[in-house]
Amino acid sequence: MTNESSVLPVSTATGRISPVAVARLLQADAGSVRLLDVRTPGEYSTAHIPGSYNVPIDVLPEHAPEIRSLQTPVVLICQSGQRADRADAVLRTSGMRQLRVLDGGMRGWLAVGLPVNRGHERMSLERQVRIAAGLLSATGAFLALLISPWFAAIPAFVGSGLVFSGVTDTCTMGMLLARLPYNRASACDVAIVVQALRAGQSVESAGSTTGRTNVGCCR
C-alpha cells in the first residue's frame, strides 16, 4: 500500500484526506485522483475546486452503479464534510473502496488558501437549513404566544426533526431545500458529468461526444 501523498490507499474504512494532501496529489499528477463534489449545483457554481465534477448527493445513488466502475481513486467534497460522508457510504455500498472525504470540505480547502473557480455567490445548503429551521421555530413560537398555543407544535416538530437528523445523520429539510430552483440554477446534465468523471475528461468534451453541447456548466 502506498502513501497518501502519492495515491489514495485502498481501504474498506472510511477515511479523510487533508486539502493540502489533495493539492499535492493534483500537482504531482492531475490524473491520479478524481474530485467528486456532491453539493447542490448552486453551491458548486459559487466556488469549486478546479477539475472537480458535480454530482449532487440527492441523485448520487442512481448513478452509483456507473461510478462504481471507476478505477481511479476518488475524493468526495461537500461544504463541510457531512454530505460527503453520506456519499462515501452510498459509494462503498455499491462496491467502491478507493474513496476519501476531503477533510473540512470546501471550507477547509478555502481556509488554507487553495485555488478555486468562482461564480455567482449563492448561500450554502447548511446555512439555508439553519435559516429555515430558525424561521419556522420563531414563527411557531410567536403564533403560539399571540394566537393559539397549538402553534407550539411547529417548533416542537422542527426540534424533533433536528434531533432525528443528528441521530440518523440525515437531513430531510436539506434534501427538500436542495430541490428548490435557487439551488438548481446552473445545474449540469448529471449523466454527462458522470460520463466525464469516468473518462477523466472535461464536461464539455463529454457532451460533444454525445452531440449535447449545452450541458449547463463545466469542470
Protein backbone atom coordinates (compact mmCIF):
# COMPACT_ATOMS: atom_id res chain seq x y z
CA MET A 1 0.00 0.00 0.00
CA THR A 2 1.38 3.38 -0.98
CA ASN A 3 1.47 6.63 0.89
CA GLU A 4 -1.45 9.09 0.79
CA SER A 5 0.91 11.72 -0.61
CA SER A 6 1.23 9.73 -3.86
CA VAL A 7 -2.06 7.85 -4.22
CA LEU A 8 -5.08 7.18 -2.06
CA PRO A 9 -4.72 3.86 -0.24
CA VAL A 10 -7.21 1.09 -0.93
CA SER A 11 -9.19 0.73 2.27
CA THR A 12 -12.57 -0.54 3.44
CA ALA A 13 -12.58 2.00 6.27
CA THR A 14 -13.97 5.48 5.90
CA GLY A 15 -11.09 7.95 5.85
CA ARG A 16 -10.34 11.59 5.29
CA ILE A 17 -7.63 13.35 3.40
CA SER A 18 -6.40 16.88 4.03
CA PRO A 19 -6.79 19.66 1.47
CA VAL A 20 -3.00 20.05 1.31
CA ALA A 21 -2.56 16.33 0.57
CA VAL A 22 -5.13 16.54 -2.25
CA ALA A 23 -3.44 19.62 -3.69
CA ARG A 24 -0.10 17.78 -3.70
CA LEU A 25 -1.65 14.81 -5.48
CA LEU A 26 -3.10 17.09 -8.16
CA GLN A 27 0.16 18.96 -8.56
CA ALA A 28 2.15 15.74 -8.95
CA ASP A 29 -0.32 14.12 -11.36
CA ALA A 30 -3.73 15.64 -12.04
CA GLY A 31 -4.98 12.30 -13.35
CA SER A 32 -4.06 10.34 -10.22
CA VAL A 33 -7.30 11.21 -8.43
CA ARG A 34 -10.84 12.38 -9.31
CA LEU A 35 -12.64 15.04 -7.30
CA LEU A 36 -16.38 14.41 -6.86
CA ASP A 37 -18.32 17.38 -5.47
CA VAL A 38 -21.72 16.31 -4.06
CA ARG A 39 -23.09 19.76 -3.19
CA THR A 40 -26.01 21.42 -4.95
CA PRO A 41 -25.34 22.93 -8.38
CA GLY A 42 -25.87 26.37 -6.84
CA GLU A 43 -23.16 25.81 -4.24
CA TYR A 44 -20.86 24.30 -6.85
CA SER A 45 -21.26 27.30 -9.16
CA THR A 46 -20.39 29.67 -6.31
CA ALA A 47 -16.96 28.13 -5.75
CA HIS A 48 -15.49 24.76 -6.64
CA ILE A 49 -12.09 23.12 -6.88
CA PRO A 50 -10.72 23.27 -10.45
CA GLY A 51 -11.11 19.89 -12.12
CA SER A 52 -13.90 18.68 -9.83
CA TYR A 53 -17.14 17.09 -11.04
CA ASN A 54 -20.56 17.93 -9.62
CA VAL A 55 -22.97 15.04 -8.91
CA PRO A 56 -25.37 16.24 -6.17
CA ILE A 57 -25.91 13.90 -3.22
CA ASP A 58 -29.66 13.58 -3.89
CA VAL A 59 -29.05 11.98 -7.31
CA LEU A 60 -25.82 10.15 -6.47
CA PRO A 61 -27.44 6.78 -5.55
CA GLU A 62 -28.95 6.36 -9.02
CA HIS A 63 -25.54 6.95 -10.63
CA ALA A 64 -23.52 4.87 -8.15
CA PRO A 65 -23.52 1.75 -10.39
CA GLU A 66 -21.82 3.75 -13.17
CA ILE A 67 -19.34 5.49 -10.87
CA ARG A 68 -18.51 2.16 -9.20
CA SER A 69 -16.57 1.02 -12.27
CA LEU A 70 -14.11 3.91 -11.87
CA GLN A 71 -10.62 2.59 -11.13
CA THR A 72 -9.08 5.95 -10.22
CA PRO A 73 -9.22 6.96 -6.50
CA VAL A 74 -11.97 9.47 -5.70
CA VAL A 75 -12.02 12.33 -3.19
CA LEU A 76 -15.53 13.33 -2.10
CA ILE A 77 -16.26 17.01 -1.47
CA CYS A 78 -19.10 18.96 0.11
CA GLN A 79 -19.32 22.18 2.09
CA SER A 80 -18.18 20.87 5.48
CA GLY A 81 -17.90 17.08 5.19
CA GLN A 82 -21.31 15.78 6.29
CA ARG A 83 -22.80 15.20 2.83
CA ALA A 84 -19.50 13.77 1.61
CA ASP A 85 -19.68 11.22 4.45
CA ARG A 86 -23.13 10.19 3.20
CA ALA A 87 -21.79 9.97 -0.36
CA ASP A 88 -18.95 7.80 0.93
CA ALA A 89 -21.48 5.38 2.46
CA VAL A 90 -23.51 5.26 -0.78
CA LEU A 91 -20.49 4.52 -2.97
CA ARG A 92 -18.96 2.00 -0.57
CA THR A 93 -22.29 0.15 -0.52
CA SER A 94 -22.13 0.00 -4.32
CA GLY A 95 -18.68 -1.63 -4.10
CA MET A 96 -16.19 1.25 -4.35
CA ARG A 97 -13.20 1.24 -2.00
CA GLN A 98 -10.69 3.86 -3.13
CA LEU A 99 -12.57 6.73 -1.52
CA ARG A 100 -11.59 9.59 0.74
CA VAL A 101 -13.59 12.52 2.15
CA LEU A 102 -11.98 15.95 1.87
CA ASP A 103 -11.31 16.94 5.48
CA GLY A 104 -13.27 20.10 6.27
CA GLY A 105 -14.87 20.17 2.82
CA MET A 106 -14.75 23.36 0.79
CA ARG A 107 -14.43 25.35 4.00
CA GLY A 108 -11.20 23.51 4.78
CA TRP A 109 -9.94 23.98 1.22
CA LEU A 110 -10.61 27.72 1.30
CA ALA A 111 -9.19 28.08 4.83
CA VAL A 112 -5.72 27.10 3.63
CA GLY A 113 -5.92 29.38 0.60
CA LEU A 114 -6.02 26.76 -2.16
CA PRO A 115 -7.32 27.78 -5.62
CA VAL A 116 -10.99 27.67 -6.61
CA ASN A 117 -13.10 28.59 -9.61
CA ARG A 118 -15.66 31.19 -8.55
CA GLY A 119 -19.03 32.16 -9.96
CA HIS A 120 -22.15 33.94 -8.74
CA GLU A 121 -22.35 33.88 -4.93
CA ARG A 122 -25.04 31.58 -3.52
CA MET A 123 -25.94 30.62 0.04
CA SER A 124 -24.70 27.20 1.19
CA LEU A 125 -27.28 24.49 1.86
CA GLU A 126 -26.24 24.17 5.52
CA ARG A 127 -26.88 27.88 6.03
CA GLN A 128 -30.26 27.62 4.31
CA VAL A 129 -31.24 24.77 6.65
CA ARG A 130 -30.31 26.81 9.72
CA ILE A 131 -32.29 29.82 8.50
CA ALA A 132 -35.35 27.73 7.57
CA ALA A 133 -35.33 25.85 10.89
CA GLY A 134 -34.90 29.06 12.87
CA LEU A 135 -37.62 30.87 10.91
CA LEU A 136 -40.13 28.05 11.37
CA SER A 137 -39.37 27.76 15.09
CA ALA A 138 -39.58 31.50 15.73
CA THR A 139 -42.77 31.85 13.69
CA GLY A 140 -44.41 28.96 15.53
CA ALA A 141 -43.39 30.37 18.91
CA PHE A 142 -44.77 33.85 18.17
CA LEU A 143 -48.01 32.41 16.80
CA ALA A 144 -48.36 30.26 19.92
CA LEU A 145 -47.96 33.35 22.11
CA LEU A 146 -50.22 35.66 20.10
CA ILE A 147 -52.90 33.43 18.58
CA SER A 148 -53.12 29.85 19.86
CA PRO A 149 -50.92 27.55 21.93
CA TRP A 150 -51.49 24.88 19.29
CA PHE A 151 -48.93 26.65 17.11
CA ALA A 152 -46.28 25.45 19.57
CA ALA A 153 -46.47 22.21 17.61
CA ILE A 154 -44.41 23.90 14.85
CA PRO A 155 -41.19 24.48 16.83
CA ALA A 156 -41.73 21.12 18.56
CA PHE A 157 -41.88 19.44 15.14
CA VAL A 158 -38.80 21.30 13.91
CA GLY A 159 -36.85 20.47 17.07
CA SER A 160 -37.79 16.80 16.78
CA GLY A 161 -36.67 16.84 13.16
CA LEU A 162 -33.29 18.29 14.12
CA VAL A 163 -32.81 15.62 16.79
CA PHE A 164 -33.72 12.91 14.28
CA SER A 165 -31.32 14.48 11.77
CA GLY A 166 -28.49 14.37 14.29
CA VAL A 167 -29.17 10.78 15.33
CA THR A 168 -29.53 9.40 11.81
CA ASP A 169 -27.03 11.75 10.12
CA THR A 170 -29.65 12.68 7.53
CA CYS A 171 -31.38 15.97 6.77
CA THR A 172 -34.84 15.86 5.22
CA MET A 173 -35.09 19.65 5.23
CA GLY A 174 -31.77 19.91 3.40
CA MET A 175 -32.92 17.40 0.79
CA LEU A 176 -36.10 19.39 0.22
CA LEU A 177 -34.27 22.71 0.01
CA ALA A 178 -31.76 21.20 -2.44
CA ARG A 179 -34.61 20.74 -4.93
CA LEU A 180 -35.56 24.43 -4.96
CA PRO A 181 -34.90 26.30 -8.24
CA TYR A 182 -32.45 28.56 -6.35
CA ASN A 183 -30.22 25.56 -5.66
CA ARG A 184 -30.75 24.02 -9.08
CA ALA A 185 -29.61 27.06 -11.06
CA SER A 186 -26.67 26.27 -13.36
CA ALA A 187 -27.28 22.54 -12.95
CA CYS A 188 -25.30 20.28 -15.24
CA ASP A 189 -26.65 17.31 -17.12
CA VAL A 190 -25.65 14.77 -14.46
CA ALA A 191 -25.43 11.88 -16.93
CA ILE A 192 -22.85 13.84 -18.93
CA VAL A 193 -20.95 14.76 -15.76
CA VAL A 194 -20.79 11.09 -14.73
CA GLN A 195 -19.55 10.17 -18.20
CA ALA A 196 -16.86 12.85 -17.98
CA LEU A 197 -15.91 11.71 -14.45
CA ARG A 198 -15.41 8.14 -15.60
CA ALA A 199 -13.39 9.20 -18.66
CA GLY A 200 -11.36 11.86 -16.83
CA GLN A 201 -12.27 14.48 -19.41
CA SER A 202 -13.97 17.87 -19.32
CA VAL A 203 -17.75 18.00 -19.17
CA GLU A 204 -17.83 19.94 -22.46
CA SER A 205 -15.79 17.23 -24.18
CA ALA A 206 -18.06 14.50 -22.86
CA GLY A 207 -21.09 16.47 -24.03
CA SER A 208 -19.68 17.00 -27.50
CA THR A 209 -19.08 13.26 -27.98
CA THR A 210 -22.78 12.66 -27.46
CA GLY A 211 -23.84 15.66 -29.53
CA ARG A 212 -25.04 17.56 -26.45
CA THR A 213 -23.01 20.76 -26.27
CA ASN A 214 -25.22 22.68 -23.84
CA VAL A 215 -24.59 20.69 -20.66
CA GLY A 216 -25.21 23.54 -18.25
CA CYS A 217 -21.82 24.01 -16.61
CA CYS A 218 -18.26 22.82 -16.77
CA ARG A 219 -15.36 21.45 -14.72
